[in-house]
Structure formats: C-alpha cells, structure tokens
Amino acid sequence: MKQVVYTIFVAFWTAVLTIIALDAMTPTAEAGDSGTASASYTLAEVAEHGQLDDCWMAIEGKVYDFTDYIDQHPTPPAVMAPWCGKEATEGMRTKGYGRDHSERAWQMAEQYLIGELADPDE
C-alpha cells in the first residue's frame, strides 16, 4: 500500500512540475519585443523588409516582423514569401484559398508585433 501511495505522490508532482515547466517555456504576447506596438511604420518602410531573412508584414493596421517565425510556420517558407514586405491581411484572412487562420494563429502572431501601420495621409 505504501508503494502505491508513493507512486501516486511522485506521479502527481511530476505532472505538476511538467506543467509548470511547459508553461514557462511557452511564449506569451508579453515575450520579446512585442505587445506594446508603440512604433509606427509606413508601407514603404515595411516594403524594405521583403525577404525571407527579413520579413515584415502589415496585417489589419499592425506591423509584424515574422523573420524568426518563417522556419516554424507549418507550410514551406515559399508560402509566406510573397507576403513579406507587403500588406498581408488578405494572406492572413484567406491563406490563399479562402480560409481564415485559426484563433491560435492570430494570438501567436501577436508575439511578432512590432508596431502600427502609419496612416498614409499623415
């Protein structure tokens, strides 16, 4: 009986510590440079970052630097490449075939937020 109780005790604390460790390793919207979006960029400035190794996108009035994410995206880099340096709301909303990205993908994108898209009239 003691061995069963001990085994359950160890399994419980192993699970708790694993959950804590995974939570600590999971990036959040507050991680990195993102979250504040205090900077403002024009589409011309976004266009200067139109390569896979320097990939910014403007999506729904916000500017994202997806450079570090390209290799983590579930599709080949060539899928994101045409949107680098451009207004990419259409790509995010349609994935190229009319289907919006998941809520999780939208939340993940916030980690790469670097600023707001400047009003072209200003």
PDB file of N, CA and C in Angstrom:
ATOM      1  N   MET A   1       0.824  -1.196   0.000  1.00  0.00           N
ATOM      2  CA  MET A   1       0.000   0.000   0.000  1.00  0.00           C
ATOM      3  C   MET A   1       0.869   1.261   0.000  1.00  0.00           C
ATOM      4  N   LYS A   2       1.938   1.259   0.789  1.00  0.00           N
ATOM      5  CA  LYS A   2       2.831   2.412   0.831  1.00  0.00           C
ATOM      6  C   LYS A   2       3.439   2.684  -0.542  1.00  0.00           C
ATOM      7  N   GLN A   3       3.758   1.614  -1.252  1.00  0.00           N
ATOM      8  CA  GLN A   3       4.364   1.766  -2.567  1.00  0.00           C
ATOM      9  C   GLN A   3       3.379   2.412  -3.545  1.00  0.00           C
ATOM     10  N   VAL A   4       2.112   2.077  -3.470  1.00  0.00           N
ATOM     11  CA  VAL A   4       1.095   2.662  -4.343  1.00  0.00           C
ATOM     12  C   VAL A   4       0.931   4.145  -4.031  1.00  0.00           C
ATOM     13  N   VAL A   5       0.847   4.485  -2.757  1.00  0.00           N
ATOM     14  CA  VAL A   5       0.718   5.888  -2.347  1.00  0.00           C
ATOM     15  C   VAL A   5       1.943   6.674  -2.796  1.00  0.00           C
ATOM     16  N   TYR A   6       3.113   6.119  -2.593  1.00  0.00           N
ATOM     17  CA  TYR A   6       4.348   6.778  -3.004  1.00  0.00           C
ATOM     18  C   TYR A   6       4.373   6.990  -4.523  1.00  0.00           C
ATOM     19  N   THR A   7       3.980   5.998  -5.283  1.00  0.00           N
ATOM     20  CA  THR A   7       3.948   6.092  -6.742  1.00  0.00           C
ATOM     21  C   THR A   7       2.977   7.186  -7.189  1.00  0.00           C
ATOM     22  N   ILE A   8       1.802   7.229  -6.592  1.00  0.00           N
ATOM     23  CA  ILE A   8       0.823   8.276  -6.926  1.00  0.00           C
ATOM     24  C   ILE A   8       1.369   9.649  -6.563  1.00  0.00           C
ATOM     25  N   PHE A   9       1.996   9.773  -5.414  1.00  0.00           N
ATOM     26  CA  PHE A   9       2.590  11.032  -4.977  1.00  0.00           C
ATOM     27  C   PHE A   9       3.646  11.523  -5.969  1.00  0.00           C
ATOM     28  N   VAL A  10       4.538  10.649  -6.368  1.00  0.00           N
ATOM     29  CA  VAL A  10       5.599  11.003  -7.316  1.00  0.00           C
ATOM     30  C   VAL A  10       5.003  11.362  -8.679  1.00  0.00           C
ATOM     31  N   ALA A  11       4.032  10.596  -9.138  1.00  0.00           N
ATOM     32  CA  ALA A  11       3.400  10.876 -10.435  1.00  0.00           C
ATOM     33  C   ALA A  11       2.701  12.232 -10.412  1.00  0.00           C
ATOM     34  N   PHE A  12       2.011  12.535  -9.332  1.00  0.00           N
ATOM     35  CA  PHE A  12       1.313  13.812  -9.216  1.00  0.00           C
ATOM     36  C   PHE A  12       2.299  14.975  -9.309  1.00  0.00           C
ATOM     37  N   TRP A  13       3.346  14.946  -8.517  1.00  0.00           N
ATOM     38  CA  TRP A  13       4.298  16.065  -8.514  1.00  0.00           C
ATOM     39  C   TRP A  13       5.103  16.133  -9.814  1.00  0.00           C
ATOM     40  N   THR A  14       5.332  15.014 -10.440  1.00  0.00           N
ATOM     41  CA  THR A  14       5.985  15.024 -11.747  1.00  0.00           C
ATOM     42  C   THR A  14       5.099  15.735 -12.760  1.00  0.00           C
ATOM     43  N   ALA A  15       3.811  15.438 -12.740  1.00  0.00           N
ATOM     44  CA  ALA A  15       2.873  16.101 -13.654  1.00  0.00           C
ATOM     45  C   ALA A  15       2.798  17.595 -13.377  1.00  0.00           C
ATOM     46  N   VAL A  16       2.722  17.970 -12.124  1.00  0.00           N
ATOM     47  CA  VAL A  16       2.653  19.394 -11.765  1.00  0.00           C
ATOM     48  C   VAL A  16       3.908  20.128 -12.240  1.00  0.00           C
ATOM     49  N   LEU A  17       5.067  19.572 -11.968  1.00  0.00           N
ATOM     50  CA  LEU A  17       6.322  20.223 -12.377  1.00  0.00           C
ATOM     51  C   LEU A  17       6.453  20.285 -13.898  1.00  0.00           C
ATOM     52  N   THR A  18       5.966  19.268 -14.600  1.00  0.00           N
ATOM     53  CA  THR A  18       5.994  19.279 -16.064  1.00  0.00           C
ATOM     54  C   THR A  18       5.116  20.401 -16.599  1.00  0.00           C
ATOM     55  N   ILE A  19       3.936  20.554 -16.044  1.00  0.00           N
ATOM     56  CA  ILE A  19       3.031  21.632 -16.478  1.00  0.00           C
ATOM     57  C   ILE A  19       3.658  22.998 -16.219  1.00  0.00           C
ATOM     58  N   ILE A  20       4.271  23.169 -15.070  1.00  0.00           N
ATOM     59  CA  ILE A  20       4.928  24.445 -14.755  1.00  0.00           C
ATOM     60  C   ILE A  20       6.065  24.713 -15.730  1.00  0.00           C
ATOM     61  N   ALA A  21       6.867  23.690 -16.027  1.00  0.00           N
ATOM     62  CA  ALA A  21       7.988  23.866 -16.956  1.00  0.00           C
ATOM     63  C   ALA A  21       7.491  24.199 -18.356  1.00  0.00           C
ATOM     64  N   LEU A  22       6.459  23.518 -18.822  1.00  0.00           N
ATOM     65  CA  LEU A  22       5.920  23.797 -20.154  1.00  0.00           C
ATOM     66  C   LEU A  22       5.337  25.204 -20.228  1.00  0.00           C
ATOM     67  N   ASP A  23       4.670  25.627 -19.179  1.00  0.00           N
ATOM     68  CA  ASP A  23       4.103  26.970 -19.143  1.00  0.00           C
ATOM     69  C   ASP A  23       5.209  28.021 -19.205  1.00  0.00           C
ATOM     70  N   ALA A  24       6.307  27.760 -18.513  1.00  0.00           N
ATOM     71  CA  ALA A  24       7.426  28.715 -18.512  1.00  0.00           C
ATOM     72  C   ALA A  24       8.094  28.798 -19.879  1.00  0.00           C
ATOM     73  N   MET A  25       8.060  27.718 -20.654  1.00  0.00           N
ATOM     74  CA  MET A  25       8.703  27.697 -21.964  1.00  0.00           C
ATOM     75  C   MET A  25       7.797  28.193 -23.075  1.00  0.00           C
ATOM     76  N   THR A  26       6.515  28.308 -22.826  1.00  0.00           N
ATOM     77  CA  THR A  26       5.567  28.746 -23.852  1.00  0.00           C
ATOM     78  C   THR A  26       5.616  30.257 -23.982  1.00  0.00           C
ATOM     79  N   PRO A  27       5.902  30.777 -25.189  1.00  0.00           N
ATOM     80  CA  PRO A  27       5.946  32.222 -25.356  1.00  0.00           C
ATOM     81  C   PRO A  27       4.557  32.833 -25.169  1.00  0.00           C
ATOM     82  N   THR A  28       4.562  34.042 -24.652  1.00  0.00           N
ATOM     83  CA  THR A  28       3.300  34.757 -24.463  1.00  0.00           C
ATOM     84  C   THR A  28       3.350  36.053 -25.247  1.00  0.00           C
ATOM     85  N   ALA A  29       2.256  36.743 -25.318  1.00  0.00           N
ATOM     86  CA  ALA A  29       2.205  38.014 -26.044  1.00  0.00           C
ATOM     87  C   ALA A  29       3.151  39.034 -25.428  1.00  0.00           C
ATOM     88  N   GLU A  30       3.470  38.892 -24.139  1.00  0.00           N
ATOM     89  CA  GLU A  30       4.364  39.832 -23.478  1.00  0.00           C
ATOM     90  C   GLU A  30       5.831  39.517 -23.734  1.00  0.00           C
ATOM     91  N   ALA A  31       6.130  38.357 -24.290  1.00  0.00           N
ATOM     92  CA  ALA A  31       7.509  37.950 -24.513  1.00  0.00           C
ATOM     93  C   ALA A  31       8.148  38.760 -25.628  1.00  0.00           C
ATOM     94  N   GLY A  32       9.443  38.919 -25.550  1.00  0.00           N
ATOM     95  CA  GLY A  32      10.189  39.594 -26.607  1.00  0.00           C
ATOM     96  C   GLY A  32       9.886  41.072 -26.710  1.00  0.00           C
ATOM     97  N   ASP A  33       9.932  41.584 -27.944  1.00  0.00           N
ATOM     98  CA  ASP A  33       9.741  42.998 -28.194  1.00  0.00           C
ATOM     99  C   ASP A  33       8.287  43.368 -28.427  1.00  0.00           C
ATOM    100  N   SER A  34       7.414  42.391 -28.382  1.00  0.00           N
ATOM    101  CA  SER A  34       6.044  42.629 -28.827  1.00  0.00           C
ATOM    102  C   SER A  34       5.140  43.094 -27.705  1.00  0.00           C
ATOM    103  N   GLY A  35       3.914  43.376 -28.109  1.00  0.00           N
ATOM    104  CA  GLY A  35       2.900  43.701 -27.141  1.00  0.00           C
ATOM    105  C   GLY A  35       2.624  45.185 -27.024  1.00  0.00           C
ATOM    106  N   THR A  36       3.636  46.024 -27.169  1.00  0.00           N
ATOM    107  CA  THR A  36       3.415  47.446 -26.971  1.00  0.00           C
ATOM    108  C   THR A  36       3.017  48.154 -28.251  1.00  0.00           C
ATOM    109  N   ALA A  37       3.626  47.797 -29.348  1.00  0.00           N
ATOM    110  CA  ALA A  37       3.311  48.379 -30.650  1.00  0.00           C
ATOM    111  C   ALA A  37       3.336  49.902 -30.614  1.00  0.00           C
ATOM    112  N   SER A  38       4.333  50.457 -29.961  1.00  0.00           N
ATOM    113  CA  SER A  38       4.415  51.907 -29.855  1.00  0.00           C
ATOM    114  C   SER A  38       4.992  52.556 -31.113  1.00  0.00           C
ATOM    115  N   ALA A  39       5.702  51.797 -31.913  1.00  0.00           N
ATOM    116  CA  ALA A  39       6.300  52.336 -33.133  1.00  0.00           C
ATOM    117  C   ALA A  39       5.256  52.396 -34.243  1.00  0.00           C
ATOM    118  N   SER A  40       5.521  53.264 -35.203  1.00  0.00           N
ATOM    119  CA  SER A  40       4.632  53.412 -36.356  1.00  0.00           C
ATOM    120  C   SER A  40       5.470  53.310 -37.620  1.00  0.00           C
ATOM    121  N   TYR A  41       4.984  52.513 -38.587  1.00  0.00           N
ATOM    122  CA  TYR A  41       5.720  52.276 -39.823  1.00  0.00           C
ATOM    123  C   TYR A  41       4.822  52.533 -41.022  1.00  0.00           C
ATOM    124  N   THR A  42       5.415  53.038 -42.078  1.00  0.00           N
ATOM    125  CA  THR A  42       4.675  53.226 -43.332  1.00  0.00           C
ATOM    126  C   THR A  42       4.790  51.941 -44.162  1.00  0.00           C
ATOM    127  N   LEU A  43       3.946  51.833 -45.180  1.00  0.00           N
ATOM    128  CA  LEU A  43       4.060  50.680 -46.073  1.00  0.00           C
ATOM    129  C   LEU A  43       5.397  50.688 -46.804  1.00  0.00           C
ATOM    130  N   ALA A  44       5.940  51.878 -47.066  1.00  0.00           N
ATOM    131  CA  ALA A  44       7.257  51.959 -47.705  1.00  0.00           C
ATOM    132  C   ALA A  44       8.327  51.358 -46.798  1.00  0.00           C
ATOM    133  N   GLU A  45       8.224  51.605 -45.491  1.00  0.00           N
ATOM    134  CA  GLU A  45       9.189  51.024 -44.552  1.00  0.00           C
ATOM    135  C   GLU A  45       9.007  49.510 -44.460  1.00  0.00           C
ATOM    136  N   VAL A  46       7.765  49.061 -44.461  1.00  0.00           N
ATOM    137  CA  VAL A  46       7.500  47.620 -44.443  1.00  0.00           C
ATOM    138  C   VAL A  46       8.087  46.971 -45.694  1.00  0.00           C
ATOM    139  N   ALA A  47       7.960  47.647 -46.834  1.00  0.00           N
ATOM    140  CA  ALA A  47       8.456  47.115 -48.106  1.00  0.00           C
ATOM    141  C   ALA A  47       9.971  46.900 -48.110  1.00  0.00           C
ATOM    142  N   GLU A  48      10.687  47.606 -47.260  1.00  0.00           N
ATOM    143  CA  GLU A  48      12.140  47.428 -47.158  1.00  0.00           C
ATOM    144  C   GLU A  48      12.509  46.083 -46.522  1.00  0.00           C
ATOM    145  N   HIS A  49      11.521  45.393 -46.007  1.00  0.00           N
ATOM    146  CA  HIS A  49      11.741  44.114 -45.324  1.00  0.00           C
ATOM    147  C   HIS A  49      10.956  43.025 -46.047  1.00  0.00           C
ATOM    148  N   GLY A  50      11.289  42.830 -47.315  1.00  0.00           N
ATOM    149  CA  GLY A  50      10.519  41.928 -48.168  1.00  0.00           C
ATOM    150  C   GLY A  50      11.199  40.632 -48.522  1.00  0.00           C
ATOM    151  N   GLN A  51      12.114  40.173 -47.689  1.00  0.00           N
ATOM    152  CA  GLN A  51      12.824  38.909 -47.956  1.00  0.00           C
ATOM    153  C   GLN A  51      12.548  37.914 -46.835  1.00  0.00           C
ATOM    154  N   LEU A  52      12.740  36.649 -47.103  1.00  0.00           N
ATOM    155  CA  LEU A  52      12.511  35.644 -46.072  1.00  0.00           C
ATOM    156  C   LEU A  52      13.427  35.839 -44.864  1.00  0.00           C
ATOM    157  N   ASP A  53      14.641  36.356 -45.083  1.00  0.00           N
ATOM    158  CA  ASP A  53      15.556  36.563 -43.961  1.00  0.00           C
ATOM    159  C   ASP A  53      15.370  37.938 -43.313  1.00  0.00           C
ATOM    160  N   ASP A  54      14.350  38.661 -43.742  1.00  0.00           N
ATOM    161  CA  ASP A  54      13.994  39.967 -43.182  1.00  0.00           C
ATOM    162  C   ASP A  54      12.544  40.240 -43.600  1.00  0.00           C
ATOM    163  N   CYS A  55      11.610  39.605 -42.910  1.00  0.00           N
ATOM    164  CA  CYS A  55      10.225  39.556 -43.375  1.00  0.00           C
ATOM    165  C   CYS A  55       9.261  40.278 -42.431  1.00  0.00           C
ATOM    166  N   TRP A  56       8.845  41.466 -42.850  1.00  0.00           N
ATOM    167  CA  TRP A  56       7.812  42.214 -42.138  1.00  0.00           C
ATOM    168  C   TRP A  56       6.530  42.142 -42.947  1.00  0.00           C
ATOM    169  N   MET A  57       5.408  42.164 -42.246  1.00  0.00           N
ATOM    170  CA  MET A  57       4.107  42.196 -42.910  1.00  0.00           C
ATOM    171  C   MET A  57       3.190  43.166 -42.179  1.00  0.00           C
ATOM    172  N   ALA A  58       2.358  43.850 -42.954  1.00  0.00           N
ATOM    173  CA  ALA A  58       1.314  44.704 -42.381  1.00  0.00           C
ATOM    174  C   ALA A  58       0.011  43.914 -42.457  1.00  0.00           C
ATOM    175  N   ILE A  59      -0.624  43.738 -41.299  1.00  0.00           N
ATOM    176  CA  ILE A  59      -1.871  42.972 -41.242  1.00  0.00           C
ATOM    177  C   ILE A  59      -2.861  43.733 -40.375  1.00  0.00           C
ATOM    178  N   GLU A  60      -3.971  44.108 -40.990  1.00  0.00           N
ATOM    179  CA  GLU A  60      -5.050  44.814 -40.299  1.00  0.00           C
ATOM    180  C   GLU A  60      -4.542  46.009 -39.485  1.00  0.00           C
ATOM    181  N   GLY A  61      -3.692  46.801 -40.111  1.00  0.00           N
ATOM    182  CA  GLY A  61      -3.219  48.027 -39.474  1.00  0.00           C
ATOM    183  C   GLY A  61      -2.081  47.859 -38.489  1.00  0.00           C
ATOM    184  N   LYS A  62      -1.574  46.652 -38.360  1.00  0.00           N
ATOM    185  CA  LYS A  62      -0.449  46.399 -37.464  1.00  0.00           C
ATOM    186  C   LYS A  62       0.722  45.867 -38.275  1.00  0.00           C
ATOM    187  N   VAL A  63       1.929  46.061 -37.762  1.00  0.00           N
ATOM    188  CA  VAL A  63       3.134  45.608 -38.456  1.00  0.00           C
ATOM    189  C   VAL A  63       3.796  44.513 -37.620  1.00  0.00           C
ATOM    190  N   TYR A  64       4.128  43.430 -38.301  1.00  0.00           N
ATOM    191  CA  TYR A  64       4.722  42.263 -37.661  1.00  0.00           C
ATOM    192  C   TYR A  64       6.058  41.932 -38.313  1.00  0.00           C
ATOM    193  N   ASP A  65       7.018  41.498 -37.508  1.00  0.00           N
ATOM    194  CA  ASP A  65       8.296  41.006 -38.012  1.00  0.00           C
ATOM    195  C   ASP A  65       8.289  39.488 -37.853  1.00  0.00           C
ATOM    196  N   PHE A  66       8.011  38.785 -38.954  1.00  0.00           N
ATOM    197  CA  PHE A  66       7.913  37.327 -38.932  1.00  0.00           C
ATOM    198  C   PHE A  66       9.224  36.637 -39.301  1.00  0.00           C
ATOM    199  N   THR A  67      10.321  37.371 -39.354  1.00  0.00           N
ATOM    200  CA  THR A  67      11.605  36.805 -39.759  1.00  0.00           C
ATOM    201  C   THR A  67      11.942  35.536 -38.975  1.00  0.00           C
ATOM    202  N   ASP A  68      11.817  35.584 -37.668  1.00  0.00           N
ATOM    203  CA  ASP A  68      12.178  34.427 -36.838  1.00  0.00           C
ATOM    204  C   ASP A  68      11.132  33.325 -36.869  1.00  0.00           C
ATOM    205  N   TYR A  69       9.972  33.614 -37.429  1.00  0.00           N
ATOM    206  CA  TYR A  69       8.895  32.625 -37.460  1.00  0.00           C
ATOM    207  C   TYR A  69       8.851  31.805 -38.755  1.00  0.00           C
ATOM    208  N   ILE A  70       9.426  32.312 -39.818  1.00  0.00           N
ATOM    209  CA  ILE A  70       9.339  31.670 -41.134  1.00  0.00           C
ATOM    210  C   ILE A  70       9.625  30.166 -41.065  1.00  0.00           C
ATOM    211  N   ASP A  71      10.703  29.778 -40.412  1.00  0.00           N
ATOM    212  CA  ASP A  71      11.082  28.360 -40.361  1.00  0.00           C
ATOM    213  C   ASP A  71      10.173  27.535 -39.451  1.00  0.00           C
ATOM    214  N   GLN A  72       9.396  28.193 -38.603  1.00  0.00           N
ATOM    215  CA  GLN A  72       8.488  27.478 -37.703  1.00  0.00           C
ATOM    216  C   GLN A  72       7.087  27.317 -38.302  1.00  0.00           C
ATOM    217  N   HIS A  73       6.789  28.081 -39.346  1.00  0.00           N
ATOM    218  CA  HIS A  73       5.465  28.021 -39.960  1.00  0.00           C
ATOM    219  C   HIS A  73       5.228  26.614 -40.506  1.00  0.00           C
ATOM    220  N   PRO A  74       3.999  26.095 -40.356  1.00  0.00           N
ATOM    221  CA  PRO A  74       3.744  24.707 -40.777  1.00  0.00           C
ATOM    222  C   PRO A  74       3.811  24.451 -42.278  1.00  0.00           C
ATOM    223  N   THR A  75       3.839  25.502 -43.083  1.00  0.00           N
ATOM    224  CA  THR A  75       3.974  25.306 -44.530  1.00  0.00           C
ATOM    225  C   THR A  75       5.395  25.681 -44.951  1.00  0.00           C
ATOM    226  N   PRO A  76       5.781  25.343 -46.169  1.00  0.00           N
ATOM    227  CA  PRO A  76       7.116  25.743 -46.635  1.00  0.00           C
ATOM    228  C   PRO A  76       7.261  27.276 -46.648  1.00  0.00           C
ATOM    229  N   PRO A  77       8.480  27.786 -46.487  1.00  0.00           N
ATOM    230  CA  PRO A  77       8.698  29.230 -46.493  1.00  0.00           C
ATOM    231  C   PRO A  77       8.145  29.924 -47.736  1.00  0.00           C
ATOM    232  N   ALA A  78       8.091  29.233 -48.843  1.00  0.00           N
ATOM    233  CA  ALA A  78       7.600  29.833 -50.084  1.00  0.00           C
ATOM    234  C   ALA A  78       6.154  30.302 -49.971  1.00  0.00           C
ATOM    235  N   VAL A  79       5.402  29.760 -49.025  1.00  0.00           N
ATOM    236  CA  VAL A  79       4.009  30.171 -48.843  1.00  0.00           C
ATOM    237  C   VAL A  79       3.937  31.579 -48.242  1.00  0.00           C
ATOM    238  N   MET A  80       4.849  31.884 -47.331  1.00  0.00           N
ATOM    239  CA  MET A  80       4.848  33.213 -46.699  1.00  0.00           C
ATOM    240  C   MET A  80       5.619  34.240 -47.518  1.00  0.00           C
ATOM    241  N   ALA A  81       6.549  33.795 -48.324  1.00  0.00           N
ATOM    242  CA  ALA A  81       7.439  34.697 -49.064  1.00  0.00           C
ATOM    243  C   ALA A  81       6.729  35.795 -49.852  1.00  0.00           C
ATOM    244  N   PRO A  82       5.644  35.514 -50.576  1.00  0.00           N
ATOM    245  CA  PRO A  82       5.008  36.577 -51.365  1.00  0.00           C
ATOM    246  C   PRO A  82       4.425  37.708 -50.516  1.00  0.00           C
ATOM    247  N   TRP A  83       4.228  37.472 -49.235  1.00  0.00           N
ATOM    248  CA  TRP A  83       3.624  38.484 -48.367  1.00  0.00           C
ATOM    249  C   TRP A  83       4.663  39.308 -47.613  1.00  0.00           C
ATOM    250  N   CYS A  84       5.912  38.901 -47.636  1.00  0.00           N
ATOM    251  CA  CYS A  84       6.963  39.655 -46.947  1.00  0.00           C
ATOM    252  C   CYS A  84       7.094  41.044 -47.561  1.00  0.00           C
ATOM    253  N   GLY A  85       7.107  42.054 -46.717  1.00  0.00           N
ATOM    254  CA  GLY A  85       7.256  43.429 -47.170  1.00  0.00           C
ATOM    255  C   GLY A  85       5.983  44.039 -47.723  1.00  0.00           C
ATOM    256  N   LYS A  86       4.847  43.418 -47.453  1.00  0.00           N
ATOM    257  CA  LYS A  86       3.590  43.879 -48.057  1.00  0.00           C
ATOM    258  C   LYS A  86       2.462  43.943 -47.037  1.00  0.00           C
ATOM    259  N   GLU A  87       1.341  44.515 -47.506  1.00  0.00           N
ATOM    260  CA  GLU A  87       0.089  44.476 -46.761  1.00  0.00           C
ATOM    261  C   GLU A  87      -0.422  43.045 -46.929  1.00  0.00           C
ATOM    262  N   ALA A  88      -0.490  42.295 -45.839  1.00  0.00           N
ATOM    263  CA  ALA A  88      -0.741  40.863 -45.927  1.00  0.00           C
ATOM    264  C   ALA A  88      -2.043  40.420 -45.252  1.00  0.00           C
ATOM    265  N   THR A  89      -2.964  41.342 -45.046  1.00  0.00           N
ATOM    266  CA  THR A  89      -4.232  40.968 -44.417  1.00  0.00           C
ATOM    267  C   THR A  89      -4.932  39.878 -45.222  1.00  0.00           C
ATOM    268  N   GLU A  90      -4.947  40.017 -46.531  1.00  0.00           N
ATOM    269  CA  GLU A  90      -5.591  39.010 -47.383  1.00  0.00           C
ATOM    270  C   GLU A  90      -4.985  37.627 -47.159  1.00  0.00           C
ATOM    271  N   GLY A  91      -3.661  37.558 -47.099  1.00  0.00           N
ATOM    272  CA  GLY A  91      -2.995  36.275 -46.883  1.00  0.00           C
ATOM    273  C   GLY A  91      -3.336  35.664 -45.538  1.00  0.00           C
ATOM    274  N   MET A  92      -3.433  36.508 -44.522  1.00  0.00           N
ATOM    275  CA  MET A  92      -3.768  36.011 -43.186  1.00  0.00           C
ATOM    276  C   MET A  92      -5.236  35.588 -43.110  1.00  0.00           C
ATOM    277  N   ARG A  93      -6.081  36.335 -43.787  1.00  0.00           N
ATOM    278  CA  ARG A  93      -7.527  36.053 -43.736  1.00  0.00           C
ATOM    279  C   ARG A  93      -7.966  34.917 -44.664  1.00  0.00           C
ATOM    280  N   THR A  94      -7.193  34.649 -45.712  1.00  0.00           N
ATOM    281  CA  THR A  94      -7.637  33.638 -46.682  1.00  0.00           C
ATOM    282  C   THR A  94      -6.694  32.447 -46.810  1.00  0.00           C
ATOM    283  N   LYS A  95      -5.480  32.567 -46.337  1.00  0.00           N
ATOM    284  CA  LYS A  95      -4.452  31.531 -46.518  1.00  0.00           C
ATOM    285  C   LYS A  95      -4.302  31.164 -47.992  1.00  0.00           C
ATOM    286  N   GLY A  96      -4.721  32.077 -48.860  1.00  0.00           N
ATOM    287  CA  GLY A  96      -4.596  31.838 -50.295  1.00  0.00           C
ATOM    288  C   GLY A  96      -5.727  31.035 -50.904  1.00  0.00           C
ATOM    289  N   TYR A  97      -6.615  30.506 -50.083  1.00  0.00           N
ATOM    290  CA  TYR A  97      -7.715  29.718 -50.639  1.00  0.00           C
ATOM    291  C   TYR A  97      -9.042  29.945 -49.902  1.00  0.00           C
ATOM    292  N   GLY A  98      -9.181  31.094 -49.264  1.00  0.00           N
ATOM    293  CA  GLY A  98     -10.459  31.476 -48.694  1.00  0.00           C
ATOM    294  C   GLY A  98     -10.738  31.026 -47.275  1.00  0.00           C
ATOM    295  N   ARG A  99      -9.761  30.518 -46.589  1.00  0.00           N
ATOM    296  CA  ARG A  99      -9.965  30.048 -45.211  1.00  0.00           C
ATOM    297  C   ARG A  99      -9.090  30.844 -44.255  1.00  0.00           C
ATOM    298  N   ASP A 100      -9.711  31.454 -43.253  1.00  0.00           N
ATOM    299  CA  ASP A 100      -9.009  32.268 -42.261  1.00  0.00           C
ATOM    300  C   ASP A 100      -8.092  31.402 -41.394  1.00  0.00           C
ATOM    301  N   HIS A 101      -7.021  32.029 -40.889  1.00  0.00           N
ATOM    302  CA  HIS A 101      -6.175  31.345 -39.919  1.00  0.00           C
ATOM    303  C   HIS A 101      -6.968  31.126 -38.625  1.00  0.00           C
ATOM    304  N   SER A 102      -6.520  30.206 -37.823  1.00  0.00           N
ATOM    305  CA  SER A 102      -7.185  29.892 -36.557  1.00  0.00           C
ATOM    306  C   SER A 102      -6.989  31.019 -35.545  1.00  0.00           C
ATOM    307  N   GLU A 103      -7.818  31.000 -34.527  1.00  0.00           N
ATOM    308  CA  GLU A 103      -7.677  31.974 -33.434  1.00  0.00           C
ATOM    309  C   GLU A 103      -6.298  31.848 -32.788  1.00  0.00           C
ATOM    310  N   ARG A 104      -5.814  30.624 -32.682  1.00  0.00           N
ATOM    311  CA  ARG A 104      -4.482  30.388 -32.110  1.00  0.00           C
ATOM    312  C   ARG A 104      -3.398  31.055 -32.956  1.00  0.00           C
ATOM    313  N   ALA A 105      -3.535  30.984 -34.271  1.00  0.00           N
ATOM    314  CA  ALA A 105      -2.551  31.612 -35.160  1.00  0.00           C
ATOM    315  C   ALA A 105      -2.571  33.131 -34.988  1.00  0.00           C
ATOM    316  N   TRP A 106      -3.768  33.699 -34.859  1.00  0.00           N
ATOM    317  CA  TRP A 106      -3.872  35.152 -34.642  1.00  0.00           C
ATOM    318  C   TRP A 106      -3.226  35.553 -33.315  1.00  0.00           C
ATOM    319  N   GLN A 107      -3.443  34.750 -32.292  1.00  0.00           N
ATOM    320  CA  GLN A 107      -2.829  35.042 -30.993  1.00  0.00           C
ATOM    321  C   GLN A 107      -1.311  34.903 -31.064  1.00  0.00           C
ATOM    322  N   MET A 108      -0.829  33.878 -31.761  1.00  0.00           N
ATOM    323  CA  MET A 108       0.605  33.674 -31.901  1.00  0.00           C
ATOM    324  C   MET A 108       1.256  34.846 -32.626  1.00  0.00           C
ATOM    325  N   ALA A 109       0.562  35.381 -33.607  1.00  0.00           N
ATOM    326  CA  ALA A 109       1.120  36.496 -34.383  1.00  0.00           C
ATOM    327  C   ALA A 109       1.452  37.689 -33.494  1.00  0.00           C
ATOM    328  N   GLU A 110       0.723  37.861 -32.420  1.00  0.00           N
ATOM    329  CA  GLU A 110       0.952  38.998 -31.522  1.00  0.00           C
ATOM    330  C   GLU A 110       2.363  38.992 -30.936  1.00  0.00           C
ATOM    331  N   GLN A 111       2.997  37.822 -30.879  1.00  0.00           N
ATOM    332  CA  GLN A 111       4.376  37.741 -30.384  1.00  0.00           C
ATOM    333  C   GLN A 111       5.344  38.480 -31.299  1.00  0.00           C
ATOM    334  N   TYR A 112       4.950  38.651 -32.556  1.00  0.00           N
ATOM    335  CA  TYR A 112       5.831  39.246 -33.559  1.00  0.00           C
ATOM    336  C   TYR A 112       5.431  40.678 -33.901  1.00  0.00           C
ATOM    337  N   LEU A 113       4.488  41.220 -33.159  1.00  0.00           N
ATOM    338  CA  LEU A 113       4.023  42.588 -33.370  1.00  0.00           C
ATOM    339  C   LEU A 113       5.134  43.576 -33.025  1.00  0.00           C
ATOM    340  N   ILE A 114       5.417  44.478 -33.959  1.00  0.00           N
ATOM    341  CA  ILE A 114       6.465  45.469 -33.705  1.00  0.00           C
ATOM    342  C   ILE A 114       5.940  46.896 -33.773  1.00  0.00           C
ATOM    343  N   GLY A 115       4.725  47.090 -34.264  1.00  0.00           N
ATOM    344  CA  GLY A 115       4.201  48.452 -34.338  1.00  0.00           C
ATOM    345  C   GLY A 115       2.894  48.535 -35.094  1.00  0.00           C
ATOM    346  N   GLU A 116       2.496  49.766 -35.314  1.00  0.00           N
ATOM    347  CA  GLU A 116       1.262  50.059 -36.033  1.00  0.00           C
ATOM    348  C   GLU A 116       1.600  50.534 -37.443  1.00  0.00           C
ATOM    349  N   LEU A 117       0.683  50.331 -38.360  1.00  0.00           N
ATOM    350  CA  LEU A 117       0.848  50.839 -39.707  1.00  0.00           C
ATOM    351  C   LEU A 117       0.444  52.308 -39.702  1.00  0.00           C
ATOM    352  N   ALA A 118       1.343  53.169 -40.165  1.00  0.00           N
ATOM    353  CA  ALA A 118       1.083  54.605 -40.178  1.00  0.00           C
ATOM    354  C   ALA A 118      -0.011  54.935 -41.176  1.00  0.00           C
ATOM    355  N   ASP A 119      -0.797  55.911 -40.845  1.00  0.00           N
ATOM    356  CA  ASP A 119      -1.836  56.400 -41.754  1.00  0.00           C
ATOM    357  C   ASP A 119      -1.132  57.045 -42.939  1.00  0.00           C
ATOM    358  N   PRO A 120      -1.415  56.608 -44.162  1.00  0.00           N
ATOM    359  CA  PRO A 120      -0.714  57.159 -45.333  1.00  0.00           C
ATOM    360  C   PRO A 120      -0.998  58.649 -45.554  1.00  0.00           C
ATOM    361  N   ASP A 121      -2.047  59.168 -44.944  1.00  0.00           N
ATOM    362  CA  ASP A 121      -2.376  60.580 -45.111  1.00  0.00           C
ATOM    363  C   ASP A 121      -1.603  61.487 -44.170  1.00  0.00           C
ATOM    364  N   GLU A 122      -0.913  60.909 -43.212  1.00  0.00           N
ATOM    365  CA  GLU A 122      -0.186  61.735 -42.233  1.00  0.00           C
ATOM    366  C   GLU A 122       1.196  62.078 -42.719  1.00  0.00           C
TER     367      GLU A 122
END
